[in-house]
PDB file of all heavy atoms in Angstrom:
ATOM      1  N   THR A   1       0.835  -1.205   0.000  1.00  0.00           N
ATOM      2  CA  THR A   1       0.000   0.000   0.000  1.00  0.00           C
ATOM      3  C   THR A   1       0.869   1.255   0.000  1.00  0.00           C
ATOM      4  O   THR A   1       2.046   1.213   0.384  1.00  0.00           O
ATOM      5  CB  THR A   1      -0.916   0.045   1.244  1.00  0.00           C
ATOM      6  OG1 THR A   1      -0.093   0.008   2.435  1.00  0.00           O
ATOM      7  CG2 THR A   1      -1.870  -1.136   1.254  1.00  0.00           C
ATOM      8  N   ASP A   2       0.292   2.382  -0.433  1.00  0.00           N
ATOM      9  CA  ASP A   2       0.987   3.666  -0.336  1.00  0.00           C
ATOM     10  C   ASP A   2       1.222   3.994   1.135  1.00  0.00           C
ATOM     11  O   ASP A   2       0.382   3.699   1.989  1.00  0.00           O
ATOM     12  CB  ASP A   2       0.151   4.782  -0.963  1.00  0.00           C
ATOM     13  CG  ASP A   2      -0.031   4.611  -2.450  1.00  0.00           C
ATOM     14  OD1 ASP A   2       0.684   3.781  -3.043  1.00  0.00           O
ATOM     15  OD2 ASP A   2      -0.893   5.302  -3.025  1.00  0.00           O
ATOM     16  N   ARG A   3       2.359   4.632   1.418  1.00  0.00           N
ATOM     17  CA  ARG A   3       2.665   5.034   2.795  1.00  0.00           C
ATOM     18  C   ARG A   3       3.076   6.501   2.826  1.00  0.00           C
ATOM     19  O   ARG A   3       3.936   6.932   2.054  1.00  0.00           O
ATOM     20  CB  ARG A   3       3.775   4.155   3.368  1.00  0.00           C
ATOM     21  CG  ARG A   3       3.340   2.732   3.672  1.00  0.00           C
ATOM     22  CD  ARG A   3       4.478   1.899   4.201  1.00  0.00           C
ATOM     23  NE  ARG A   3       5.445   1.575   3.154  1.00  0.00           N
ATOM     24  CZ  ARG A   3       6.625   1.007   3.395  1.00  0.00           C
ATOM     25  NH1 ARG A   3       6.990   0.728   4.630  1.00  0.00           N
ATOM     26  NH2 ARG A   3       7.448   0.718   2.401  1.00  0.00           N
ATOM     27  N   GLU A   4       2.457   7.251   3.709  1.00  0.00           N
ATOM     28  CA  GLU A   4       2.687   8.691   3.769  1.00  0.00           C
ATOM     29  C   GLU A   4       3.905   9.030   4.624  1.00  0.00           C
ATOM     30  O   GLU A   4       4.209   8.351   5.613  1.00  0.00           O
ATOM     31  CB  GLU A   4       1.458   9.404   4.332  1.00  0.00           C
ATOM     32  CG  GLU A   4       0.233   9.320   3.441  1.00  0.00           C
ATOM     33  CD  GLU A   4      -0.910  10.198   3.935  1.00  0.00           C
ATOM     34  OE1 GLU A   4      -0.631  11.261   4.532  1.00  0.00           O
ATOM     35  OE2 GLU A   4      -2.071   9.819   3.728  1.00  0.00           O
ATOM     36  N   PHE A   5       4.617  10.093   4.212  1.00  0.00           N
ATOM     37  CA  PHE A   5       5.700  10.630   5.038  1.00  0.00           C
ATOM     38  C   PHE A   5       5.486  12.124   5.227  1.00  0.00           C
ATOM     39  O   PHE A   5       4.665  12.745   4.545  1.00  0.00           O
ATOM     40  CB  PHE A   5       7.081  10.324   4.421  1.00  0.00           C
ATOM     41  CG  PHE A   5       7.374  10.973   3.101  1.00  0.00           C
ATOM     42  CD1 PHE A   5       8.050  12.190   3.043  1.00  0.00           C
ATOM     43  CD2 PHE A   5       7.029  10.366   1.897  1.00  0.00           C
ATOM     44  CE1 PHE A   5       8.353  12.785   1.831  1.00  0.00           C
ATOM     45  CE2 PHE A   5       7.333  10.944   0.681  1.00  0.00           C
ATOM     46  CZ  PHE A   5       7.995  12.160   0.643  1.00  0.00           C
ATOM     47  N   SER A   6       6.221  12.687   6.169  1.00  0.00           N
ATOM     48  CA  SER A   6       6.003  14.089   6.541  1.00  0.00           C
ATOM     49  C   SER A   6       7.303  14.878   6.481  1.00  0.00           C
ATOM     50  O   SER A   6       8.387  14.340   6.709  1.00  0.00           O
ATOM     51  CB  SER A   6       5.416  14.187   7.961  1.00  0.00           C
ATOM     52  OG  SER A   6       4.170  13.540   8.043  1.00  0.00           O
ATOM     53  N   ILE A   7       7.155  16.150   6.170  1.00  0.00           N
ATOM     54  CA  ILE A   7       8.299  17.052   6.089  1.00  0.00           C
ATOM     55  C   ILE A   7       7.945  18.366   6.783  1.00  0.00           C
ATOM     56  O   ILE A   7       6.783  18.779   6.794  1.00  0.00           O
ATOM     57  CB  ILE A   7       8.705  17.303   4.610  1.00  0.00           C
ATOM     58  CG1 ILE A   7      10.087  17.910   4.514  1.00  0.00           C
ATOM     59  CG2 ILE A   7       7.668  18.145   3.893  1.00  0.00           C
ATOM     60  CD1 ILE A   7      10.629  17.915   3.095  1.00  0.00           C
ATOM     61  N   LYS A   8       8.944  18.991   7.373  1.00  0.00           N
ATOM     62  CA  LYS A   8       8.733  20.264   8.061  1.00  0.00           C
ATOM     63  C   LYS A   8       9.671  21.304   7.468  1.00  0.00           C
ATOM     64  O   LYS A   8      10.883  21.073   7.368  1.00  0.00           O
ATOM     65  CB  LYS A   8       9.003  20.113   9.565  1.00  0.00           C
ATOM     66  CG  LYS A   8       8.788  21.379  10.367  1.00  0.00           C
ATOM     67  CD  LYS A   8       9.067  21.138  11.849  1.00  0.00           C
ATOM     68  CE  LYS A   8       8.869  22.403  12.659  1.00  0.00           C
ATOM     69  NZ  LYS A   8       9.170  22.169  14.109  1.00  0.00           N
ATOM     70  N   PHE A   9       9.108  22.443   7.053  1.00  0.00           N
ATOM     71  CA  PHE A   9       9.919  23.540   6.536  1.00  0.00           C
ATOM     72  C   PHE A   9      10.278  24.483   7.683  1.00  0.00           C
ATOM     73  O   PHE A   9       9.420  24.837   8.501  1.00  0.00           O
ATOM     74  CB  PHE A   9       9.163  24.313   5.457  1.00  0.00           C
ATOM     75  CG  PHE A   9       8.866  23.523   4.215  1.00  0.00           C
ATOM     76  CD1 PHE A   9       7.593  23.491   3.670  1.00  0.00           C
ATOM     77  CD2 PHE A   9       9.862  22.794   3.595  1.00  0.00           C
ATOM     78  CE1 PHE A   9       7.310  22.753   2.533  1.00  0.00           C
ATOM     79  CE2 PHE A   9       9.603  22.045   2.459  1.00  0.00           C
ATOM     80  CZ  PHE A   9       8.321  22.024   1.930  1.00  0.00           C
ATOM     81  N   ASP A  10      11.538  24.884   7.732  1.00  0.00           N
ATOM     82  CA  ASP A  10      11.986  25.830   8.756  1.00  0.00           C
ATOM     83  C   ASP A  10      11.317  27.180   8.518  1.00  0.00           C
ATOM     84  O   ASP A  10      11.496  27.776   7.448  1.00  0.00           O
ATOM     85  CB  ASP A  10      13.508  25.964   8.688  1.00  0.00           C
ATOM     86  CG  ASP A  10      14.086  26.813   9.805  1.00  0.00           C
ATOM     87  OD1 ASP A  10      13.335  27.602  10.416  1.00  0.00           O
ATOM     88  OD2 ASP A  10      15.301  26.712  10.051  1.00  0.00           O
ATOM     89  N   PRO A  11      10.545  27.696   9.498  1.00  0.00           N
ATOM     90  CA  PRO A  11       9.859  28.981   9.293  1.00  0.00           C
ATOM     91  C   PRO A  11      10.808  30.162   9.121  1.00  0.00           C
ATOM     92  O   PRO A  11      10.403  31.216   8.630  1.00  0.00           O
ATOM     93  CB  PRO A  11       9.015  29.129  10.567  1.00  0.00           C
ATOM     94  CG  PRO A  11       9.696  28.264  11.581  1.00  0.00           C
ATOM     95  CD  PRO A  11      10.264  27.115  10.816  1.00  0.00           C
ATOM     96  N   ASN A  12      12.080  29.987   9.499  1.00  0.00           N
ATOM     97  CA  ASN A  12      13.064  31.061   9.336  1.00  0.00           C
ATOM     98  C   ASN A  12      13.758  31.020   7.975  1.00  0.00           C
ATOM     99  O   ASN A  12      14.652  31.828   7.712  1.00  0.00           O
ATOM    100  CB  ASN A  12      14.118  30.980  10.451  1.00  0.00           C
ATOM    101  CG  ASN A  12      13.531  31.265  11.821  1.00  0.00           C
ATOM    102  OD1 ASN A  12      12.716  32.172  11.975  1.00  0.00           O
ATOM    103  ND2 ASN A  12      13.932  30.485  12.817  1.00  0.00           N
ATOM    104  N   SER A  13      13.349  30.097   7.118  1.00  0.00           N
ATOM    105  CA  SER A  13      13.920  30.038   5.768  1.00  0.00           C
ATOM    106  C   SER A  13      13.593  31.313   5.012  1.00  0.00           C
ATOM    107  O   SER A  13      12.509  31.891   5.175  1.00  0.00           O
ATOM    108  CB  SER A  13      13.346  28.837   5.005  1.00  0.00           C
ATOM    109  OG  SER A  13      13.700  27.621   5.631  1.00  0.00           O
ATOM    110  N   THR A  14      14.513  31.762   4.176  1.00  0.00           N
ATOM    111  CA  THR A  14      14.290  32.995   3.399  1.00  0.00           C
ATOM    112  C   THR A  14      13.501  32.730   2.124  1.00  0.00           C
ATOM    113  O   THR A  14      12.947  33.659   1.536  1.00  0.00           O
ATOM    114  CB  THR A  14      15.637  33.649   3.054  1.00  0.00           C
ATOM    115  OG1 THR A  14      16.512  32.672   2.457  1.00  0.00           O
ATOM    116  CG2 THR A  14      16.306  34.194   4.317  1.00  0.00           C
ATOM    117  N   LEU A  15      13.465  31.478   1.673  1.00  0.00           N
ATOM    118  CA  LEU A  15      12.634  31.092   0.532  1.00  0.00           C
ATOM    119  C   LEU A  15      11.248  30.762   1.090  1.00  0.00           C
ATOM    120  O   LEU A  15      11.084  29.778   1.813  1.00  0.00           O
ATOM    121  CB  LEU A  15      13.238  29.893  -0.180  1.00  0.00           C
ATOM    122  CG  LEU A  15      12.771  29.624  -1.612  1.00  0.00           C
ATOM    123  CD1 LEU A  15      13.357  30.642  -2.573  1.00  0.00           C
ATOM    124  CD2 LEU A  15      13.161  28.213  -2.050  1.00  0.00           C
ATOM    125  N   LYS A  16      10.259  31.578   0.768  1.00  0.00           N
ATOM    126  CA  LYS A  16       8.961  31.515   1.422  1.00  0.00           C
ATOM    127  C   LYS A  16       7.915  30.787   0.580  1.00  0.00           C
ATOM    128  O   LYS A  16       7.789  31.041  -0.623  1.00  0.00           O
ATOM    129  CB  LYS A  16       8.462  32.922   1.745  1.00  0.00           C
ATOM    130  CG  LYS A  16       9.373  33.716   2.675  1.00  0.00           C
ATOM    131  CD  LYS A  16       9.495  33.052   4.044  1.00  0.00           C
ATOM    132  CE  LYS A  16      10.331  33.889   5.010  1.00  0.00           C
ATOM    133  NZ  LYS A  16      10.478  33.217   6.333  1.00  0.00           N
ATOM    134  N   GLU A  17       7.174  29.913   1.253  1.00  0.00           N
ATOM    135  CA  GLU A  17       6.102  29.188   0.578  1.00  0.00           C
ATOM    136  C   GLU A  17       4.991  30.153   0.177  1.00  0.00           C
ATOM    137  O   GLU A  17       4.594  31.022   0.945  1.00  0.00           O
ATOM    138  CB  GLU A  17       5.541  28.097   1.496  1.00  0.00           C
ATOM    139  CG  GLU A  17       4.559  27.176   0.820  1.00  0.00           C
ATOM    140  CD  GLU A  17       4.211  25.948   1.636  1.00  0.00           C
ATOM    141  OE1 GLU A  17       4.602  25.909   2.831  1.00  0.00           O
ATOM    142  OE2 GLU A  17       3.568  25.028   1.099  1.00  0.00           O
ATOM    143  N   GLY A  18       4.502  30.008  -1.034  1.00  0.00           N
ATOM    144  CA  GLY A  18       3.453  30.882  -1.548  1.00  0.00           C
ATOM    145  C   GLY A  18       3.998  32.071  -2.317  1.00  0.00           C
ATOM    146  O   GLY A  18       3.328  32.608  -3.196  1.00  0.00           O
ATOM    147  N   THR A  19       5.222  32.480  -1.987  1.00  0.00           N
ATOM    148  CA  THR A  19       5.871  33.602  -2.679  1.00  0.00           C
ATOM    149  C   THR A  19       6.935  33.099  -3.646  1.00  0.00           C
ATOM    150  O   THR A  19       6.953  33.460  -4.820  1.00  0.00           O
ATOM    151  CB  THR A  19       6.517  34.565  -1.673  1.00  0.00           C
ATOM    152  OG1 THR A  19       5.512  35.084  -0.789  1.00  0.00           O
ATOM    153  CG2 THR A  19       7.199  35.730  -2.391  1.00  0.00           C
ATOM    154  N   HIS A  20       7.826  32.262  -3.117  1.00  0.00           N
ATOM    155  CA  HIS A  20       8.935  31.764  -3.919  1.00  0.00           C
ATOM    156  C   HIS A  20       8.759  30.319  -4.370  1.00  0.00           C
ATOM    157  O   HIS A  20       9.443  29.873  -5.285  1.00  0.00           O
ATOM    158  CB  HIS A  20      10.244  31.868  -3.137  1.00  0.00           C
ATOM    159  CG  HIS A  20      10.555  33.250  -2.665  1.00  0.00           C
ATOM    160  ND1 HIS A  20      10.492  33.619  -1.336  1.00  0.00           N
ATOM    161  CD2 HIS A  20      10.917  34.370  -3.340  1.00  0.00           C
ATOM    162  CE1 HIS A  20      10.820  34.893  -1.206  1.00  0.00           C
ATOM    163  NE2 HIS A  20      11.071  35.372  -2.412  1.00  0.00           N
ATOM    164  N   PHE A  21       7.872  29.582  -3.726  1.00  0.00           N
ATOM    165  CA  PHE A  21       7.675  28.187  -4.105  1.00  0.00           C
ATOM    166  C   PHE A  21       6.320  27.687  -3.621  1.00  0.00           C
ATOM    167  O   PHE A  21       5.691  28.278  -2.730  1.00  0.00           O
ATOM    168  CB  PHE A  21       8.782  27.298  -3.516  1.00  0.00           C
ATOM    169  CG  PHE A  21       8.605  26.979  -2.051  1.00  0.00           C
ATOM    170  CD1 PHE A  21       7.953  25.815  -1.634  1.00  0.00           C
ATOM    171  CD2 PHE A  21       9.091  27.836  -1.071  1.00  0.00           C
ATOM    172  CE1 PHE A  21       7.787  25.519  -0.296  1.00  0.00           C
ATOM    173  CE2 PHE A  21       8.933  27.545   0.279  1.00  0.00           C
ATOM    174  CZ  PHE A  21       8.287  26.384   0.666  1.00  0.00           C
ATOM    175  N   VAL A  22       5.883  26.597  -4.238  1.00  0.00           N
ATOM    176  CA  VAL A  22       4.720  25.851  -3.762  1.00  0.00           C
ATOM    177  C   VAL A  22       5.091  24.375  -3.765  1.00  0.00           C
ATOM    178  O   VAL A  22       5.882  23.911  -4.601  1.00  0.00           O
ATOM    179  CB  VAL A  22       3.462  26.080  -4.632  1.00  0.00           C
ATOM    180  CG1 VAL A  22       2.972  27.503  -4.519  1.00  0.00           C
ATOM    181  CG2 VAL A  22       3.734  25.720  -6.091  1.00  0.00           C
ATOM    182  N   LEU A  23       4.556  23.636  -2.796  1.00  0.00           N
ATOM    183  CA  LEU A  23       4.761  22.196  -2.732  1.00  0.00           C
ATOM    184  C   LEU A  23       3.797  21.538  -3.709  1.00  0.00           C
ATOM    185  O   LEU A  23       2.577  21.665  -3.575  1.00  0.00           O
ATOM    186  CB  LEU A  23       4.526  21.694  -1.309  1.00  0.00           C
ATOM    187  CG  LEU A  23       4.804  20.216  -1.038  1.00  0.00           C
ATOM    188  CD1 LEU A  23       6.275  19.884  -1.282  1.00  0.00           C
ATOM    189  CD2 LEU A  23       4.400  19.867   0.391  1.00  0.00           C
ATOM    190  N   GLU A  24       4.341  20.851  -4.707  1.00  0.00           N
ATOM    191  CA  GLU A  24       3.496  20.286  -5.753  1.00  0.00           C
ATOM    192  C   GLU A  24       2.797  19.004  -5.331  1.00  0.00           C
ATOM    193  O   GLU A  24       1.754  18.654  -5.876  1.00  0.00           O
ATOM    194  CB  GLU A  24       4.306  20.031  -7.026  1.00  0.00           C
ATOM    195  CG  GLU A  24       4.667  21.303  -7.781  1.00  0.00           C
ATOM    196  CD  GLU A  24       4.859  21.054  -9.265  1.00  0.00           C
ATOM    197  OE1 GLU A  24       5.542  20.077  -9.619  1.00  0.00           O
ATOM    198  OE2 GLU A  24       4.309  21.831 -10.065  1.00  0.00           O
ATOM    199  N   ASN A  25       3.361  18.287  -4.369  1.00  0.00           N
ATOM    200  CA  ASN A  25       2.734  17.042  -3.928  1.00  0.00           C
ATOM    201  C   ASN A  25       1.442  17.350  -3.173  1.00  0.00           C
ATOM    202  O   ASN A  25       1.455  18.054  -2.167  1.00  0.00           O
ATOM    203  CB  ASN A  25       3.669  16.274  -2.989  1.00  0.00           C
ATOM    204  CG  ASN A  25       5.073  16.107  -3.539  1.00  0.00           C
ATOM    205  OD1 ASN A  25       5.815  17.080  -3.630  1.00  0.00           O
ATOM    206  ND2 ASN A  25       5.449  14.894  -3.869  1.00  0.00           N
ATOM    207  N   ASP A  26       0.320  16.823  -3.650  1.00  0.00           N
ATOM    208  CA  ASP A  26      -0.914  16.927  -2.878  1.00  0.00           C
ATOM    209  C   ASP A  26      -0.784  16.132  -1.585  1.00  0.00           C
ATOM    210  O   ASP A  26      -1.336  16.503  -0.543  1.00  0.00           O
ATOM    211  CB  ASP A  26      -2.099  16.397  -3.693  1.00  0.00           C
ATOM    212  CG  ASP A  26      -2.402  17.275  -4.895  1.00  0.00           C
ATOM    213  OD1 ASP A  26      -2.165  18.495  -4.800  1.00  0.00           O
ATOM    214  OD2 ASP A  26      -2.851  16.742  -5.925  1.00  0.00           O
ATOM    215  N   LYS A  27      -0.041  15.036  -1.678  1.00  0.00           N
ATOM    216  CA  LYS A  27       0.217  14.183  -0.520  1.00  0.00           C
ATOM    217  C   LYS A  27       1.610  13.602  -0.679  1.00  0.00           C
ATOM    218  O   LYS A  27       1.975  13.132  -1.754  1.00  0.00           O
ATOM    219  CB  LYS A  27      -0.833  13.066  -0.448  1.00  0.00           C
ATOM    220  CG  LYS A  27      -0.677  12.135   0.744  1.00  0.00           C
ATOM    221  CD  LYS A  27      -1.829  11.133   0.831  1.00  0.00           C
ATOM    222  CE  LYS A  27      -1.781  10.149  -0.316  1.00  0.00           C
ATOM    223  NZ  LYS A  27      -2.784   9.066  -0.159  1.00  0.00           N
ATOM    224  N   LEU A  28       2.394  13.643   0.388  1.00  0.00           N
ATOM    225  CA  LEU A  28       3.730  13.060   0.353  1.00  0.00           C
ATOM    226  C   LEU A  28       3.618  11.585   0.705  1.00  0.00           C
ATOM    227  O   LEU A  28       3.181  11.234   1.809  1.00  0.00           O
ATOM    228  CB  LEU A  28       4.654  13.775   1.344  1.00  0.00           C
ATOM    229  CG  LEU A  28       4.967  15.246   1.051  1.00  0.00           C
ATOM    230  CD1 LEU A  28       5.653  15.892   2.253  1.00  0.00           C
ATOM    231  CD2 LEU A  28       5.841  15.375  -0.181  1.00  0.00           C
ATOM    232  N   PHE A  29       4.013  10.733  -0.226  1.00  0.00           N
ATOM    233  CA  PHE A  29       3.891   9.306   0.050  1.00  0.00           C
ATOM    234  C   PHE A  29       4.899   8.502  -0.769  1.00  0.00           C
ATOM    235  O   PHE A  29       5.379   8.941  -1.820  1.00  0.00           O
ATOM    236  CB  PHE A  29       2.466   8.807  -0.253  1.00  0.00           C
ATOM    237  CG  PHE A  29       2.107   8.805  -1.709  1.00  0.00           C
ATOM    238  CD1 PHE A  29       2.227   7.644  -2.475  1.00  0.00           C
ATOM    239  CD2 PHE A  29       1.653   9.958  -2.345  1.00  0.00           C
ATOM    240  CE1 PHE A  29       1.895   7.635  -3.827  1.00  0.00           C
ATOM    241  CE2 PHE A  29       1.320   9.962  -3.695  1.00  0.00           C
ATOM    242  CZ  PHE A  29       1.438   8.796  -4.435  1.00  0.00           C
ATOM    243  N   VAL A  30       5.215   7.323  -0.251  1.00  0.00           N
ATOM    244  CA  VAL A  30       6.009   6.343  -0.975  1.00  0.00           C
ATOM    245  C   VAL A  30       5.016   5.375  -1.608  1.00  0.00           C
ATOM    246  O   VAL A  30       4.202   4.765  -0.904  1.00  0.00           O
ATOM    247  CB  VAL A  30       6.959   5.585  -0.027  1.00  0.00           C
ATOM    248  CG1 VAL A  30       7.712   4.487  -0.783  1.00  0.00           C
ATOM    249  CG2 VAL A  30       7.942   6.556   0.618  1.00  0.00           C
ATOM    250  N   PRO A  31       5.031   5.234  -2.934  1.00  0.00           N
ATOM    251  CA  PRO A  31       4.041   4.377  -3.596  1.00  0.00           C
ATOM    252  C   PRO A  31       4.148   2.919  -3.166  1.00  0.00           C
ATOM    253  O   PRO A  31       5.200   2.448  -2.715  1.00  0.00           O
ATOM    254  CB  PRO A  31       4.383   4.535  -5.083  1.00  0.00           C
ATOM    255  CG  PRO A  31       5.180   5.782  -5.168  1.00  0.00           C
ATOM    256  CD  PRO A  31       5.936   5.885  -3.884  1.00  0.00           C
ATOM    257  N   ALA A  32       3.051   2.207  -3.321  1.00  0.00           N
ATOM    258  CA  ALA A  32       3.047   0.770  -3.064  1.00  0.00           C
ATOM    259  C   ALA A  32       4.103   0.077  -3.914  1.00  0.00           C
ATOM    260  O   ALA A  32       4.388   0.495  -5.044  1.00  0.00           O
ATOM    261  CB  ALA A  32       1.660   0.197  -3.381  1.00  0.00           C
ATOM    262  N   ASP A  33       4.717  -0.955  -3.333  1.00  0.00           N
ATOM    263  CA  ASP A  33       5.729  -1.769  -4.022  1.00  0.00           C
ATOM    264  C   ASP A  33       6.963  -0.963  -4.422  1.00  0.00           C
ATOM    265  O   ASP A  33       7.623  -1.263  -5.425  1.00  0.00           O
ATOM    266  CB  ASP A  33       5.133  -2.436  -5.272  1.00  0.00           C
ATOM    267  CG  ASP A  33       3.941  -3.320  -4.939  1.00  0.00           C
ATOM    268  OD1 ASP A  33       4.014  -4.047  -3.937  1.00  0.00           O
ATOM    269  OD2 ASP A  33       2.931  -3.253  -5.671  1.00  0.00           O
ATOM    270  N   SER A  34       7.287   0.071  -3.653  1.00  0.00           N
ATOM    271  CA  SER A  34       8.452   0.907  -3.960  1.00  0.00           C
ATOM    272  C   SER A  34       9.163   1.313  -2.675  1.00  0.00           C
ATOM    273  O   SER A  34       8.581   1.287  -1.584  1.00  0.00           O
ATOM    274  CB  SER A  34       8.012   2.163  -4.724  1.00  0.00           C
ATOM    275  OG  SER A  34       9.134   2.993  -5.003  1.00  0.00           O
ATOM    276  N   THR A  35      10.431   1.674  -2.811  1.00  0.00           N
ATOM    277  CA  THR A  35      11.203   2.217  -1.685  1.00  0.00           C
ATOM    278  C   THR A  35      11.654   3.646  -1.981  1.00  0.00           C
ATOM    279  O   THR A  35      12.505   4.176  -1.289  1.00  0.00           O
ATOM    280  CB  THR A  35      12.447   1.346  -1.410  1.00  0.00           C
ATOM    281  OG1 THR A  35      13.260   1.319  -2.596  1.00  0.00           O
ATOM    282  CG2 THR A  35      12.058  -0.076  -1.027  1.00  0.00           C
ATOM    283  N   LYS A  36      11.079   4.248  -3.047  1.00  0.00           N
ATOM    284  CA  LYS A  36      11.524   5.562  -3.497  1.00  0.00           C
ATOM    285  C   LYS A  36      10.356   6.538  -3.605  1.00  0.00           C
ATOM    286  O   LYS A  36       9.229   6.146  -3.899  1.00  0.00           O
ATOM    287  CB  LYS A  36      12.194   5.469  -4.871  1.00  0.00           C
ATOM    288  CG  LYS A  36      13.359   4.521  -4.959  1.00  0.00           C
ATOM    289  CD  LYS A  36      13.884   4.442  -6.387  1.00  0.00           C
ATOM    290  CE  LYS A  36      15.036   3.476  -6.529  1.00  0.00           C
ATOM    291  NZ  LYS A  36      15.528   3.407  -7.923  1.00  0.00           N
ATOM    292  N   SER A  37      10.682   7.817  -3.389  1.00  0.00           N
ATOM    293  CA  SER A  37       9.714   8.879  -3.643  1.00  0.00           C
ATOM    294  C   SER A  37      10.504  10.184  -3.785  1.00  0.00           C
ATOM    295  O   SER A  37      11.726  10.176  -3.874  1.00  0.00           O
ATOM    296  CB  SER A  37       8.689   8.979  -2.505  1.00  0.00           C
ATOM    297  OG  SER A  37       7.652   9.887  -2.847  1.00  0.00           O
ATOM    298  N   SER A  38       9.791  11.311  -3.802  1.00  0.00           N
ATOM    299  CA  SER A  38      10.466  12.602  -3.900  1.00  0.00           C
ATOM    300  C   SER A  38       9.569  13.702  -3.366  1.00  0.00           C
ATOM    301  O   SER A  38       8.345  13.550  -3.291  1.00  0.00           O
ATOM    302  CB  SER A  38      10.859  12.917  -5.352  1.00  0.00           C
ATOM    303  OG  SER A  38       9.710  13.009  -6.168  1.00  0.00           O
ATOM    304  N   VAL A  39      10.207  14.799  -3.000  1.00  0.00           N
ATOM    305  CA  VAL A  39       9.507  16.017  -2.620  1.00  0.00           C
ATOM    306  C   VAL A  39       9.595  16.952  -3.817  1.00  0.00           C
ATOM    307  O   VAL A  39      10.696  17.348  -4.224  1.00  0.00           O
ATOM    308  CB  VAL A  39      10.146  16.674  -1.377  1.00  0.00           C
ATOM    309  CG1 VAL A  39       9.415  17.954  -1.009  1.00  0.00           C
ATOM    310  CG2 VAL A  39      10.152  15.697  -0.198  1.00  0.00           C
ATOM    311  N   SER A  40       8.456  17.281  -4.406  1.00  0.00           N
ATOM    312  CA  SER A  40       8.426  18.113  -5.618  1.00  0.00           C
ATOM    313  C   SER A  40       8.097  19.555  -5.245  1.00  0.00           C
ATOM    314  O   SER A  40       7.010  19.839  -4.747  1.00  0.00           O
ATOM    315  CB  SER A  40       7.392  17.572  -6.610  1.00  0.00           C
ATOM    316  OG  SER A  40       7.754  16.291  -7.050  1.00  0.00           O
ATOM    317  N   ILE A  41       9.041  20.435  -5.506  1.00  0.00           N
ATOM    318  CA  ILE A  41       8.890  21.844  -5.153  1.00  0.00           C
ATOM    319  C   ILE A  41       8.931  22.689  -6.419  1.00  0.00           C
ATOM    320  O   ILE A  41       9.911  22.638  -7.173  1.00  0.00           O
ATOM    321  CB  ILE A  41      10.002  22.287  -4.176  1.00  0.00           C
ATOM    322  CG1 ILE A  41       9.859  21.510  -2.861  1.00  0.00           C
ATOM    323  CG2 ILE A  41       9.961  23.783  -3.927  1.00  0.00           C
ATOM    324  CD1 ILE A  41      10.953  21.783  -1.864  1.00  0.00           C
ATOM    325  N   LYS A  42       7.859  23.430  -6.671  1.00  0.00           N
ATOM    326  CA  LYS A  42       7.805  24.314  -7.833  1.00  0.00           C
ATOM    327  C   LYS A  42       8.290  25.701  -7.432  1.00  0.00           C
ATOM    328  O   LYS A  42       7.682  26.371  -6.607  1.00  0.00           O
ATOM    329  CB  LYS A  42       6.391  24.398  -8.411  1.00  0.00           C
ATOM    330  CG  LYS A  42       6.320  25.265  -9.669  1.00  0.00           C
ATOM    331  CD  LYS A  42       5.003  25.091 -10.404  1.00  0.00           C
ATOM    332  CE  LYS A  42       3.849  25.715  -9.645  1.00  0.00           C
ATOM    333  NZ  LYS A  42       2.586  25.662 -10.421  1.00  0.00           N
TER     334      LYS A  42
END
């Protein structure tokens, strides 16, 4: 089955979410039958 993972952005980062980037993943997860995934940042 798919398995979800979590990430935390440092609020003191100078690259700001909504201004400089958006997280493209609707949900962060490792797909079923896999050991790989990625964090997609636009």
